[in-house]
C-alpha atoms as a PDB file:
ATOM      1  CA  MET A   1     -35.457 -65.036 -36.363  1.00  0.00           C
ATOM      2  CA  THR A   2     -34.060 -68.431 -35.192  1.00  0.00           C
ATOM      3  CA  SER A   3     -30.706 -68.612 -33.539  1.00  0.00           C
ATOM      4  CA  SER A   4     -29.110 -69.233 -37.256  1.00  0.00           C
ATOM      5  CA  GLY A   5     -30.273 -65.886 -38.469  1.00  0.00           C
ATOM      6  CA  LEU A   6     -33.214 -67.166 -40.464  1.00  0.00           C
ATOM      7  CA  LEU A   7     -36.477 -65.192 -40.052  1.00  0.00           C
ATOM      8  CA  LEU A   8     -39.521 -67.055 -38.972  1.00  0.00           C
ATOM      9  CA  PRO A   9     -43.114 -66.837 -40.692  1.00  0.00           C
ATOM     10  CA  SER A  10     -44.866 -63.708 -39.353  1.00  0.00           C
ATOM     11  CA  SER A  11     -47.275 -65.651 -37.301  1.00  0.00           C
ATOM     12  CA  SER A  12     -44.473 -67.299 -35.427  1.00  0.00           C
ATOM     13  CA  THR A  13     -42.586 -63.971 -34.613  1.00  0.00           C
ATOM     14  CA  ARG A  14     -45.611 -62.767 -33.575  1.00  0.00           C
ATOM     15  CA  GLN A  15     -46.250 -65.704 -31.142  1.00  0.00           C
ATOM     16  CA  ILE A  16     -42.781 -66.003 -29.925  1.00  0.00           C
ATOM     17  CA  HIS A  17     -42.979 -61.496 -29.207  1.00  0.00           C
ATOM     18  CA  ALA A  18     -46.140 -62.256 -27.501  1.00  0.00           C
ATOM     19  CA  PHE A  19     -44.206 -64.617 -24.487  1.00  0.00           C
ATOM     20  CA  ASN A  20     -40.667 -63.440 -24.685  1.00  0.00           C
ATOM     21  CA  PRO A  21     -40.055 -59.747 -25.015  1.00  0.00           C
ATOM     22  CA  GLN A  22     -36.641 -60.437 -25.074  1.00  0.00           C
ATOM     23  CA  ALA A  23     -36.848 -61.942 -28.409  1.00  0.00           C
ATOM     24  CA  ARG A  24     -39.003 -59.215 -29.615  1.00  0.00           C
ATOM     25  CA  ALA A  25     -36.424 -56.676 -28.888  1.00  0.00           C
ATOM     26  CA  GLY A  26     -33.531 -58.955 -30.227  1.00  0.00           C
ATOM     27  CA  PHE A  27     -35.842 -59.186 -33.510  1.00  0.00           C
ATOM     28  CA  LEU A  28     -36.099 -55.326 -33.917  1.00  0.00           C
ATOM     29  CA  ARG A  29     -32.395 -54.753 -33.426  1.00  0.00           C
ATOM     30  CA  CYS A  30     -31.280 -57.218 -35.784  1.00  0.00           C
ATOM     31  CA  ARG A  31     -33.750 -55.999 -38.375  1.00  0.00           C
ATOM     32  CA  HIS A  32     -32.741 -52.382 -38.274  1.00  0.00           C
ATOM     33  CA  ARG A  33     -29.131 -53.727 -38.652  1.00  0.00           C
ATOM     34  CA  ARG A  34     -30.100 -56.104 -41.493  1.00  0.00           C
ATOM     35  CA  SER A  35     -31.643 -53.288 -43.433  1.00  0.00           C
ATOM     36  CA  TYR A  36     -28.668 -51.074 -43.312  1.00  0.00           C
ATOM     37  CA  ALA A  37     -26.147 -53.682 -44.214  1.00  0.00           C
ATOM     38  CA  SER A  38     -28.502 -54.603 -47.241  1.00  0.00           C
ATOM     39  CA  GLN A  39     -28.497 -51.407 -48.316  1.00  0.00           C
ATOM     40  CA  CYS A  40     -24.593 -51.333 -47.957  1.00  0.00           C
ATOM     41  CA  ILE A  41     -24.253 -54.436 -50.156  1.00  0.00           C
ATOM     42  CA  GLN A  42     -26.563 -53.278 -52.974  1.00  0.00           C
ATOM     43  CA  ARG A  43     -24.646 -49.778 -53.011  1.00  0.00           C
ATOM     44  CA  SER A  44     -21.312 -51.314 -53.367  1.00  0.00           C
ATOM     45  CA  VAL A  45     -22.452 -53.794 -56.118  1.00  0.00           C
ATOM     46  CA  GLU A  46     -23.951 -50.717 -57.984  1.00  0.00           C
ATOM     47  CA  ASN A  47     -20.569 -48.974 -57.592  1.00  0.00           C
ATOM     48  CA  VAL A  48     -18.586 -51.768 -59.112  1.00  0.00           C
ATOM     49  CA  SER A  49     -20.878 -52.160 -61.960  1.00  0.00           C
ATOM     50  CA  GLU A  50     -20.670 -48.418 -62.830  1.00  0.00           C
ATOM     51  CA  GLY A  51     -17.192 -47.829 -62.055  1.00  0.00           C
ATOM     52  CA  THR A  52     -15.889 -50.601 -64.176  1.00  0.00           C
ATOM     53  CA  GLY A  53     -13.314 -48.836 -66.900  1.00  0.00           C
ATOM     54  CA  ASN A  54     -13.711 -51.870 -69.585  1.00  0.00           C
ATOM     55  CA  LYS A  55     -17.281 -53.013 -69.494  1.00  0.00           C
ATOM     56  CA  GLY A  56     -16.977 -55.714 -71.872  1.00  0.00           C
ATOM     57  CA  ASP A  57     -14.199 -57.146 -69.310  1.00  0.00           C
ATOM     58  CA  SER A  58     -16.603 -59.465 -67.674  1.00  0.00           C
ATOM     59  CA  THR A  59     -13.708 -61.267 -65.885  1.00  0.00           C
ATOM     60  CA  GLN A  60     -12.471 -57.951 -64.353  1.00  0.00           C
ATOM     61  CA  LEU A  61     -16.111 -57.197 -63.558  1.00  0.00           C
ATOM     62  CA  SER A  62     -16.599 -60.155 -61.786  1.00  0.00           C
ATOM     63  CA  PHE A  63     -13.771 -59.940 -59.834  1.00  0.00           C
ATOM     64  CA  GLN A  64     -14.257 -56.689 -58.805  1.00  0.00           C
ATOM     65  CA  ARG A  65     -17.954 -57.652 -57.675  1.00  0.00           C
ATOM     66  CA  ARG A  66     -16.592 -60.612 -55.699  1.00  0.00           C
ATOM     67  CA  GLU A  67     -14.264 -58.455 -53.631  1.00  0.00           C
ATOM     68  CA  ALA A  68     -16.922 -55.946 -52.972  1.00  0.00           C
ATOM     69  CA  LEU A  69     -19.490 -58.635 -51.996  1.00  0.00           C
ATOM     70  CA  LEU A  70     -16.988 -60.222 -49.881  1.00  0.00           C
ATOM     71  CA  SER A  71     -16.204 -56.845 -47.729  1.00  0.00           C
ATOM     72  CA  THR A  72     -19.521 -55.895 -47.628  1.00  0.00           C
ATOM     73  CA  SER A  73     -20.491 -59.232 -46.474  1.00  0.00           C
ATOM     74  CA  ALA A  74     -18.059 -58.864 -43.692  1.00  0.00           C
ATOM     75  CA  LEU A  75     -19.934 -55.758 -42.832  1.00  0.00           C
ATOM     76  CA  THR A  76     -23.381 -57.814 -42.678  1.00  0.00           C
ATOM     77  CA  ALA A  77     -21.624 -60.210 -40.389  1.00  0.00           C
ATOM     78  CA  ALA A  78     -19.997 -57.692 -38.007  1.00  0.00           C
ATOM     79  CA  LEU A  79     -23.544 -55.912 -37.836  1.00  0.00           C
ATOM     80  CA  PHE A  80     -25.648 -59.253 -37.034  1.00  0.00           C
ATOM     81  CA  LEU A  81     -22.862 -60.511 -34.672  1.00  0.00           C
ATOM     82  CA  SER A  82     -21.624 -57.450 -32.723  1.00  0.00           C
ATOM     83  CA  ASP A  83     -24.449 -55.145 -30.689  1.00  0.00           C
ATOM     84  CA  LEU A  84     -23.382 -51.837 -31.819  1.00  0.00           C
ATOM     85  CA  SER A  85     -26.299 -49.940 -30.156  1.00  0.00           C
ATOM     86  CA  SER A  86     -25.218 -50.991 -26.538  1.00  0.00           C
ATOM     87  CA  LEU A  87     -22.085 -49.328 -27.064  1.00  0.00           C
ATOM     88  CA  PRO A  88     -21.965 -46.961 -23.847  1.00  0.00           C
ATOM     89  CA  ALA A  89     -23.134 -43.572 -24.880  1.00  0.00           C
ATOM     90  CA  THR A  90     -20.790 -40.527 -23.831  1.00  0.00           C
ATOM     91  CA  ALA A  91     -21.765 -37.315 -22.641  1.00  0.00           C
ATOM     92  CA  ALA A  92     -20.414 -35.557 -25.603  1.00  0.00           C
ATOM     93  CA  ASP A  93     -22.777 -37.907 -27.573  1.00  0.00           C
ATOM     94  CA  ILE A  94     -25.866 -36.463 -26.090  1.00  0.00           C
ATOM     95  CA  LYS A  95     -27.208 -32.947 -27.198  1.00  0.00           C
ATOM     96  CA  THR A  96     -31.176 -33.273 -27.340  1.00  0.00           C
ATOM     97  CA  VAL A  97     -33.208 -35.388 -24.856  1.00  0.00           C
ATOM     98  CA  PHE A  98     -36.399 -36.616 -25.584  1.00  0.00           C
ATOM     99  CA  VAL A  99     -38.682 -36.420 -22.142  1.00  0.00           C
ATOM    100  CA  ALA A 100     -41.601 -38.664 -22.195  1.00  0.00           C
ATOM    101  CA  GLY A 101     -44.178 -37.572 -19.491  1.00  0.00           C
ATOM    102  CA  ALA A 102     -42.404 -34.308 -19.437  1.00  0.00           C
ATOM    103  CA  SER A 103     -45.797 -32.696 -17.913  1.00  0.00           C
ATOM    104  CA  GLY A 104     -45.728 -35.099 -14.897  1.00  0.00           C
ATOM    105  CA  SER A 105     -44.676 -34.349 -11.657  1.00  0.00           C
ATOM    106  CA  THR A 106     -40.988 -35.822 -11.890  1.00  0.00           C
ATOM    107  CA  GLY A 107     -41.130 -34.937 -15.567  1.00  0.00           C
ATOM    108  CA  ILE A 108     -41.240 -31.263 -15.610  1.00  0.00           C
ATOM    109  CA  ARG A 109     -38.529 -31.712 -12.905  1.00  0.00           C
ATOM    110  CA  VAL A 110     -36.311 -33.452 -15.589  1.00  0.00           C
ATOM    111  CA  VAL A 111     -36.932 -30.977 -17.987  1.00  0.00           C
ATOM    112  CA  ARG A 112     -35.528 -27.999 -15.594  1.00  0.00           C
ATOM    113  CA  GLU A 113     -32.690 -30.307 -14.728  1.00  0.00           C
ATOM    114  CA  LEU A 114     -31.715 -31.000 -18.299  1.00  0.00           C
ATOM    115  CA  ARG A 115     -31.973 -27.185 -19.209  1.00  0.00           C
ATOM    116  CA  LYS A 116     -29.732 -26.334 -16.249  1.00  0.00           C
ATOM    117  CA  ARG A 117     -27.186 -28.708 -17.396  1.00  0.00           C
ATOM    118  CA  GLY A 118     -27.288 -27.416 -20.993  1.00  0.00           C
ATOM    119  CA  PHE A 119     -29.266 -30.199 -22.776  1.00  0.00           C
ATOM    120  CA  THR A 120     -31.559 -29.282 -25.523  1.00  0.00           C
ATOM    121  CA  VAL A 121     -35.135 -30.961 -24.681  1.00  0.00           C
ATOM    122  CA  ARG A 122     -37.822 -32.423 -26.754  1.00  0.00           C
ATOM    123  CA  ALA A 123     -40.527 -32.533 -23.939  1.00  0.00           C
ATOM    124  CA  ALA A 124     -43.268 -35.046 -24.964  1.00  0.00           C
ATOM    125  CA  VAL A 125     -46.805 -34.319 -23.853  1.00  0.00           C
ATOM    126  CA  ARG A 126     -50.415 -35.224 -24.804  1.00  0.00           C
ATOM    127  CA  ASP A 127     -51.608 -31.604 -24.608  1.00  0.00           C
ATOM    128  CA  VAL A 128     -49.400 -28.940 -25.722  1.00  0.00           C
ATOM    129  CA  GLU A 129     -51.172 -25.863 -24.399  1.00  0.00           C
ATOM    130  CA  LYS A 130     -51.905 -27.400 -21.118  1.00  0.00           C
ATOM    131  CA  ALA A 131     -48.005 -28.001 -20.684  1.00  0.00           C
ATOM    132  CA  ARG A 132     -47.424 -24.452 -21.745  1.00  0.00           C
ATOM    133  CA  GLU A 133     -49.919 -23.309 -19.130  1.00  0.00           C
ATOM    134  CA  LYS A 134     -48.088 -25.549 -16.593  1.00  0.00           C
ATOM    135  CA  GLY A 135     -44.739 -24.285 -17.254  1.00  0.00           C
ATOM    136  CA  VAL A 136     -43.011 -27.094 -18.788  1.00  0.00           C
ATOM    137  CA  GLN A 137     -41.448 -25.041 -21.579  1.00  0.00           C
ATOM    138  CA  VAL A 138     -38.943 -23.269 -19.002  1.00  0.00           C
ATOM    139  CA  ASP A 139     -37.048 -21.537 -21.897  1.00  0.00           C
ATOM    140  CA  GLY A 140     -36.214 -21.489 -25.707  1.00  0.00           C
ATOM    141  CA  GLY A 141     -34.158 -24.753 -25.169  1.00  0.00           C
ATOM    142  CA  VAL A 142     -37.529 -26.749 -24.855  1.00  0.00           C
ATOM    143  CA  GLU A 143     -39.831 -27.920 -27.574  1.00  0.00           C
ATOM    144  CA  LEU A 144     -43.318 -29.129 -26.609  1.00  0.00           C
ATOM    145  CA  VAL A 145     -44.320 -32.117 -29.056  1.00  0.00           C
ATOM    146  CA  THR A 146     -47.180 -34.042 -29.030  1.00  0.00           C
ATOM    147  CA  ALA A 147     -46.769 -37.722 -27.983  1.00  0.00           C
ATOM    148  CA  ASP A 148     -48.716 -40.542 -26.475  1.00  0.00           C
ATOM    149  CA  VAL A 149     -47.159 -43.495 -25.415  1.00  0.00           C
ATOM    150  CA  THR A 150     -50.303 -45.589 -26.306  1.00  0.00           C
ATOM    151  CA  GLN A 151     -50.215 -44.786 -29.881  1.00  0.00           C
ATOM    152  CA  GLY A 152     -47.342 -47.110 -30.807  1.00  0.00           C
ATOM    153  CA  ALA A 153     -43.433 -46.814 -31.764  1.00  0.00           C
ATOM    154  CA  ASP A 154     -44.108 -45.054 -35.044  1.00  0.00           C
ATOM    155  CA  SER A 155     -45.519 -41.885 -33.937  1.00  0.00           C
ATOM    156  CA  LEU A 156     -43.184 -42.043 -30.784  1.00  0.00           C
ATOM    157  CA  ALA A 157     -40.346 -42.135 -33.038  1.00  0.00           C
ATOM    158  CA  ALA A 158     -41.496 -39.270 -35.108  1.00  0.00           C
ATOM    159  CA  ALA A 159     -42.017 -37.264 -32.046  1.00  0.00           C
ATOM    160  CA  MET A 160     -38.345 -37.957 -30.844  1.00  0.00           C
ATOM    161  CA  GLY A 161     -37.275 -35.955 -34.169  1.00  0.00           C
ATOM    162  CA  ASN A 162     -33.193 -35.527 -33.722  1.00  0.00           C
ATOM    163  CA  ALA A 163     -33.126 -36.620 -30.058  1.00  0.00           C
ATOM    164  CA  ASP A 164     -29.931 -38.528 -29.105  1.00  0.00           C
ATOM    165  CA  ALA A 165     -31.313 -39.852 -25.518  1.00  0.00           C
ATOM    166  CA  VAL A 166     -34.689 -40.702 -24.150  1.00  0.00           C
ATOM    167  CA  ILE A 167     -35.568 -40.396 -20.583  1.00  0.00           C
ATOM    168  CA  SER A 168     -38.924 -42.060 -19.624  1.00  0.00           C
ATOM    169  CA  ALA A 169     -40.742 -40.451 -16.627  1.00  0.00           C
ATOM    170  CA  ILE A 170     -44.257 -42.068 -17.583  1.00  0.00           C
ATOM    171  CA  GLY A 171     -46.456 -43.743 -15.245  1.00  0.00           C
ATOM    172  CA  GLY A 172     -50.054 -44.801 -15.295  1.00  0.00           C
ATOM    173  CA  SER A 173     -52.633 -44.071 -12.632  1.00  0.00           C
ATOM    174  CA  GLY A 174     -56.055 -45.502 -11.825  1.00  0.00           C
ATOM    175  CA  ASP A 175     -56.532 -48.920 -12.807  1.00  0.00           C
ATOM    176  CA  ALA A 176     -54.910 -52.133 -14.173  1.00  0.00           C
ATOM    177  CA  ASN A 177     -55.624 -51.275 -17.680  1.00  0.00           C
ATOM    178  CA  THR A 178     -54.014 -48.164 -17.461  1.00  0.00           C
ATOM    179  CA  TYR A 179     -50.908 -49.630 -15.694  1.00  0.00           C
ATOM    180  CA  HIS A 180     -50.722 -52.081 -18.713  1.00  0.00           C
ATOM    181  CA  ALA A 181     -51.178 -49.567 -21.180  1.00  0.00           C
ATOM    182  CA  VAL A 182     -48.501 -47.075 -20.010  1.00  0.00           C
ATOM    183  CA  ASP A 183     -45.949 -48.740 -17.504  1.00  0.00           C
ATOM    184  CA  ASN A 184     -45.605 -51.885 -19.602  1.00  0.00           C
ATOM    185  CA  GLU A 185     -46.706 -51.290 -23.182  1.00  0.00           C
ATOM    186  CA  GLY A 186     -45.872 -47.717 -23.281  1.00  0.00           C
ATOM    187  CA  ASN A 187     -42.225 -48.042 -22.500  1.00  0.00           C
ATOM    188  CA  VAL A 188     -41.996 -51.070 -24.726  1.00  0.00           C
ATOM    189  CA  ALA A 189     -43.404 -48.635 -27.658  1.00  0.00           C
ATOM    190  CA  LEU A 190     -40.508 -46.137 -26.376  1.00  0.00           C
ATOM    191  CA  VAL A 191     -38.004 -48.704 -26.790  1.00  0.00           C
ATOM    192  CA  ASP A 192     -39.192 -49.793 -29.872  1.00  0.00           C
ATOM    193  CA  ALA A 193     -39.164 -45.903 -31.176  1.00  0.00           C
ATOM    194  CA  ALA A 194     -35.648 -45.559 -30.049  1.00  0.00           C
ATOM    195  CA  LEU A 195     -34.225 -48.602 -31.609  1.00  0.00           C
ATOM    196  CA  LYS A 196     -35.936 -46.945 -34.855  1.00  0.00           C
ATOM    197  CA  LYS A 197     -34.175 -43.726 -34.125  1.00  0.00           C
ATOM    198  CA  ASN A 198     -30.696 -45.459 -33.006  1.00  0.00           C
ATOM    199  CA  ILE A 199     -31.011 -43.552 -29.678  1.00  0.00           C
ATOM    200  CA  ARG A 200     -27.722 -43.435 -27.779  1.00  0.00           C
ATOM    201  CA  LYS A 201     -29.027 -43.817 -24.226  1.00  0.00           C
ATOM    202  CA  PHE A 202     -32.334 -44.695 -22.718  1.00  0.00           C
ATOM    203  CA  VAL A 203     -33.143 -43.991 -18.874  1.00  0.00           C
ATOM    204  CA  LEU A 204     -36.143 -45.632 -17.460  1.00  0.00           C
ATOM    205  CA  MET A 205     -37.792 -44.409 -14.229  1.00  0.00           C
ATOM    206  CA  SER A 206     -39.247 -47.465 -12.595  1.00  0.00           C
ATOM    207  CA  SER A 207     -39.918 -48.238  -8.846  1.00  0.00           C
ATOM    208  CA  LEU A 208     -38.291 -49.654  -5.678  1.00  0.00           C
ATOM    209  CA  LEU A 209     -39.483 -53.121  -5.128  1.00  0.00           C
ATOM    210  CA  THR A 210     -40.351 -53.659  -8.998  1.00  0.00           C
ATOM    211  CA  ASN A 211     -38.504 -57.205  -8.983  1.00  0.00           C
ATOM    212  CA  GLY A 212     -39.709 -57.747  -5.382  1.00  0.00           C
ATOM    213  CA  LYS A 213     -40.908 -61.316  -5.703  1.00  0.00           C
ATOM    214  CA  GLU A 214     -37.852 -62.759  -7.400  1.00  0.00           C
ATOM    215  CA  ALA A 215     -35.805 -60.576  -4.595  1.00  0.00           C
ATOM    216  CA  GLY A 216     -37.555 -62.374  -1.730  1.00  0.00           C
ATOM    217  CA  GLN A 217     -39.958 -59.699  -0.842  1.00  0.00           C
ATOM    218  CA  SER A 218     -43.151 -60.823  -1.944  1.00  0.00           C
ATOM    219  CA  LEU A 219     -44.605 -60.541   1.896  1.00  0.00           C
ATOM    220  CA  ASN A 220     -43.205 -56.824   1.827  1.00  0.00           C
ATOM    221  CA  PRO A 221     -45.946 -54.389   2.580  1.00  0.00           C
ATOM    222  CA  GLY A 222     -44.595 -51.968   0.464  1.00  0.00           C
ATOM    223  CA  TYR A 223     -44.521 -54.747  -2.645  1.00  0.00           C
ATOM    224  CA  ILE A 224     -48.096 -55.988  -1.727  1.00  0.00           C
ATOM    225  CA  PHE A 225     -49.638 -52.637  -1.259  1.00  0.00           C
ATOM    226  CA  LEU A 226     -48.288 -51.320  -4.439  1.00  0.00           C
ATOM    227  CA  ASN A 227     -49.515 -54.348  -6.593  1.00  0.00           C
ATOM    228  CA  LEU A 228     -52.818 -53.915  -4.970  1.00  0.00           C
ATOM    229  CA  PHE A 229     -53.211 -51.134  -7.457  1.00  0.00           C
ATOM    230  CA  GLY A 230     -53.541 -52.968 -11.104  1.00  0.00           C
ATOM    231  CA  ASN A 231     -50.174 -54.992 -10.663  1.00  0.00           C
ATOM    232  CA  VAL A 232     -48.074 -51.933 -11.087  1.00  0.00           C
ATOM    233  CA  LEU A 233     -44.959 -53.332 -10.212  1.00  0.00           C
ATOM    234  CA  ASN A 234     -45.563 -56.393 -12.267  1.00  0.00           C
ATOM    235  CA  GLU A 235     -46.170 -54.174 -15.341  1.00  0.00           C
ATOM    236  CA  LYS A 236     -43.072 -52.180 -14.507  1.00  0.00           C
ATOM    237  CA  LEU A 237     -40.941 -55.213 -14.646  1.00  0.00           C
ATOM    238  CA  VAL A 238     -41.968 -56.528 -18.374  1.00  0.00           C
ATOM    239  CA  SER A 239     -40.884 -52.907 -19.514  1.00  0.00           C
ATOM    240  CA  GLU A 240     -37.510 -53.235 -17.416  1.00  0.00           C
ATOM    241  CA  LYS A 241     -36.726 -56.436 -18.927  1.00  0.00           C
ATOM    242  CA  TYR A 242     -37.612 -55.506 -22.445  1.00  0.00           C
ATOM    243  CA  LEU A 243     -35.266 -52.511 -22.073  1.00  0.00           C
ATOM    244  CA  ARG A 244     -32.441 -54.729 -20.842  1.00  0.00           C
ATOM    245  CA  ALA A 245     -32.660 -57.080 -23.714  1.00  0.00           C
ATOM    246  CA  SER A 246     -33.189 -54.368 -26.388  1.00  0.00           C
ATOM    247  CA  GLY A 247     -29.225 -53.617 -26.690  1.00  0.00           C
ATOM    248  CA  LEU A 248     -29.485 -49.944 -25.941  1.00  0.00           C
ATOM    249  CA  ASP A 249     -27.337 -48.670 -23.626  1.00  0.00           C
ATOM    250  CA  TYR A 250     -29.878 -47.963 -20.563  1.00  0.00           C
ATOM    251  CA  THR A 251     -29.804 -47.129 -16.994  1.00  0.00           C
ATOM    252  CA  ILE A 252     -32.931 -48.003 -14.647  1.00  0.00           C
ATOM    253  CA  VAL A 253     -33.550 -45.815 -11.771  1.00  0.00           C
ATOM    254  CA  ARG A 254     -35.917 -47.408  -8.892  1.00  0.00           C
ATOM    255  CA  PRO A 255     -37.005 -44.706  -6.741  1.00  0.00           C
ATOM    256  CA  GLY A 256     -38.625 -45.200  -3.515  1.00  0.00           C
ATOM    257  CA  GLY A 257     -41.816 -43.504  -2.345  1.00  0.00           C
ATOM    258  CA  LEU A 258     -41.820 -40.026  -4.490  1.00  0.00           C
ATOM    259  CA  LYS A 259     -42.170 -36.798  -2.567  1.00  0.00           C
ATOM    260  CA  LYS A 260     -43.053 -33.380  -4.002  1.00  0.00           C
ATOM    261  CA  THR A 261     -40.943 -31.787  -0.898  1.00  0.00           C
ATOM    262  CA  PRO A 262     -37.488 -30.773  -1.440  1.00  0.00           C
ATOM    263  CA  PRO A 263     -34.488 -32.721  -0.744  1.00  0.00           C
ATOM    264  CA  SER A 264     -33.725 -30.540   2.454  1.00  0.00           C
ATOM    265  CA  GLU A 265     -36.976 -31.967   4.100  1.00  0.00           C
ATOM    266  CA  VAL A 266     -36.662 -35.576   2.815  1.00  0.00           C
ATOM    267  CA  GLY A 267     -32.550 -36.275   3.157  1.00  0.00           C
ATOM    268  CA  ASN A 268     -29.824 -36.851   0.762  1.00  0.00           C
ATOM    269  CA  LEU A 269     -29.491 -39.206  -1.734  1.00  0.00           C
ATOM    270  CA  VAL A 270     -28.980 -43.073  -0.901  1.00  0.00           C
ATOM    271  CA  THR A 271     -27.930 -45.476  -3.640  1.00  0.00           C
ATOM    272  CA  GLY A 272     -28.160 -49.142  -3.538  1.00  0.00           C
ATOM    273  CA  LYS A 273     -27.412 -51.996  -6.488  1.00  0.00           C
ATOM    274  CA  GLU A 274     -30.301 -53.851  -8.035  1.00  0.00           C
ATOM    275  CA  ASP A 275     -32.752 -55.502  -5.614  1.00  0.00           C
ATOM    276  CA  THR A 276     -30.945 -54.501  -2.428  1.00  0.00           C
ATOM    277  CA  LEU A 277     -33.250 -51.380  -1.013  1.00  0.00           C
ATOM    278  CA  PHE A 278     -36.447 -52.696  -0.009  1.00  0.00           C
ATOM    279  CA  GLY A 279     -38.133 -49.554   2.224  1.00  0.00           C
ATOM    280  CA  LEU A 280     -37.615 -51.938   5.169  1.00  0.00           C
ATOM    281  CA  PRO A 281     -37.318 -50.142   8.596  1.00  0.00           C
ATOM    282  CA  THR A 282     -34.188 -52.017   9.247  1.00  0.00           C
ATOM    283  CA  GLN A 283     -32.729 -50.135   5.948  1.00  0.00           C
ATOM    284  CA  ARG A 284     -31.794 -46.222   5.413  1.00  0.00           C
ATOM    285  CA  GLY A 285     -34.815 -44.417   4.077  1.00  0.00           C
ATOM    286  CA  LYS A 286     -37.718 -45.400   2.091  1.00  0.00           C
ATOM    287  CA  ASP A 287     -38.754 -41.926   0.379  1.00  0.00           C
ATOM    288  CA  ILE A 288     -37.103 -39.663  -1.788  1.00  0.00           C
ATOM    289  CA  SER A 289     -37.722 -36.056  -3.244  1.00  0.00           C
ATOM    290  CA  ARG A 290     -38.805 -35.952  -6.872  1.00  0.00           C
ATOM    291  CA  ASP A 291     -36.293 -33.214  -7.131  1.00  0.00           C
ATOM    292  CA  THR A 292     -33.638 -35.805  -6.375  1.00  0.00           C
ATOM    293  CA  VAL A 293     -35.125 -38.638  -8.628  1.00  0.00           C
ATOM    294  CA  ALA A 294     -34.783 -35.978 -11.638  1.00  0.00           C
ATOM    295  CA  GLU A 295     -31.049 -35.447 -10.741  1.00  0.00           C
ATOM    296  CA  VAL A 296     -30.281 -39.080 -10.876  1.00  0.00           C
ATOM    297  CA  LEU A 297     -32.289 -39.654 -14.179  1.00  0.00           C
ATOM    298  CA  VAL A 298     -30.265 -36.609 -15.846  1.00  0.00           C
ATOM    299  CA  GLU A 299     -27.020 -37.485 -14.338  1.00  0.00           C
ATOM    300  CA  ALA A 300     -27.350 -40.914 -15.732  1.00  0.00           C
ATOM    301  CA  LEU A 301     -26.818 -39.378 -19.134  1.00  0.00           C
ATOM    302  CA  ARG A 302     -23.502 -38.151 -17.912  1.00  0.00           C
ATOM    303  CA  GLN A 303     -21.764 -40.732 -16.100  1.00  0.00           C
ATOM    304  CA  PRO A 304     -19.958 -43.516 -17.813  1.00  0.00           C
ATOM    305  CA  GLY A 305     -20.769 -45.814 -14.518  1.00  0.00           C
ATOM    306  CA  ALA A 306     -24.438 -45.701 -15.106  1.00  0.00           C
ATOM    307  CA  SER A 307     -24.206 -47.558 -18.367  1.00  0.00           C
ATOM    308  CA  ASN A 308     -26.304 -50.670 -18.392  1.00  0.00           C
ATOM    309  CA  LYS A 309     -26.962 -50.529 -14.659  1.00  0.00           C
ATOM    310  CA  VAL A 310     -30.014 -50.375 -12.377  1.00  0.00           C
ATOM    311  CA  VAL A 311     -29.539 -48.077  -9.554  1.00  0.00           C
ATOM    312  CA  GLU A 312     -32.361 -48.229  -6.497  1.00  0.00           C
ATOM    313  CA  VAL A 313     -32.610 -44.705  -4.735  1.00  0.00           C
ATOM    314  CA  VAL A 314     -34.077 -43.454  -1.614  1.00  0.00           C
ATOM    315  CA  ALA A 315     -33.136 -40.514   0.787  1.00  0.00           C
ATOM    316  CA  ALA A 316     -32.041 -39.936   4.434  1.00  0.00           C
ATOM    317  CA  LYS A 317     -31.446 -37.136   6.615  1.00  0.00           C
ATOM    318  CA  ASP A 318     -28.412 -38.176   8.097  1.00  0.00           C
ATOM    319  CA  GLU A 319     -26.865 -39.682   4.981  1.00  0.00           C
ATOM    320  CA  PRO A 320     -23.900 -37.348   3.928  1.00  0.00           C
ATOM    321  CA  GLU A 321     -24.129 -35.466   0.484  1.00  0.00           C
ATOM    322  CA  ARG A 322     -21.883 -37.175  -2.113  1.00  0.00           C
ATOM    323  CA  PRO A 323     -20.624 -35.625  -5.476  1.00  0.00           C
ATOM    324  CA  SER A 324     -22.790 -37.220  -8.453  1.00  0.00           C
ATOM    325  CA  SER A 325     -19.349 -38.757  -9.676  1.00  0.00           C
ATOM    326  CA  GLU A 326     -20.128 -41.354  -7.114  1.00  0.00           C
ATOM    327  CA  TRP A 327     -23.634 -41.991  -7.422  1.00  0.00           C
ATOM    328  CA  PHE A 328     -23.165 -44.603  -9.880  1.00  0.00           C
ATOM    329  CA  SER A 329     -20.077 -46.218  -8.424  1.00  0.00           C
ATOM    330  CA  ASN A 330     -19.858 -49.746  -7.110  1.00  0.00           C
ATOM    331  CA  LEU A 331     -23.350 -50.920  -8.700  1.00  0.00           C
END
């Protein structure tokens, strides 16, 4: 779509989207709004045609049709010019949460944390039976759903069902192809699915140093080490940018080194603004318990201060414990 709102030929849009994920996300957002607005216009015209008392009075019919078109055209303009999907979600808006990667080491903790706080969960897993054996379905408030982020947005949208929010705790492992397919394209597909389903909130688990190069950390040992494994940080950065350009209300959580040990052994939560925590010896902490990360991911659904923010999180044993209401303040 051009800046004037005209649709480009399909080949052109594909070329733009290949090089510009922000353009692709904006195109999808506008396409969904355009479809809805067009339906409104059609219904209004039909209602005017059917509701005219004297069908022979063409002047009156023309006048009423014109008034209907004017009012619905205003609606169309509003849908294009305003970013309705980026309005901050409130805790009251969110009842059911779709968790991508629910059977993973962090994902299963997210499911448990959501249930503690009363959310209904659609736990997305590739193998339902294995997930059940692993204990992902902690109680009757968790529904196991089959989903694979490498299978595209349409299948993911179907799996989301009646979800109001999405938490992505997915992560590839092994090689560059897997990181590209999961951390990059998998999260992009989740965002596209969320747009299709008018999801109210999207919380993405990323990683510390994802934007390390732009933040002047290209020689940071952590940045170099992590990107040795298939450029995973670069792949995560693509999906971060795509989510931020999508118009969805988002929170991106960038944790340090993930530990399975409890917070009592790793330390209390330390939060930082975007591109401020780098795991350096001069900074407070570089690792964090997966339990704490799960709490932060879930709390991002509940705290207004988390709206459209990037938060970096590590832990330190000498850090004083803070209430969750302060986790996203001053970001």
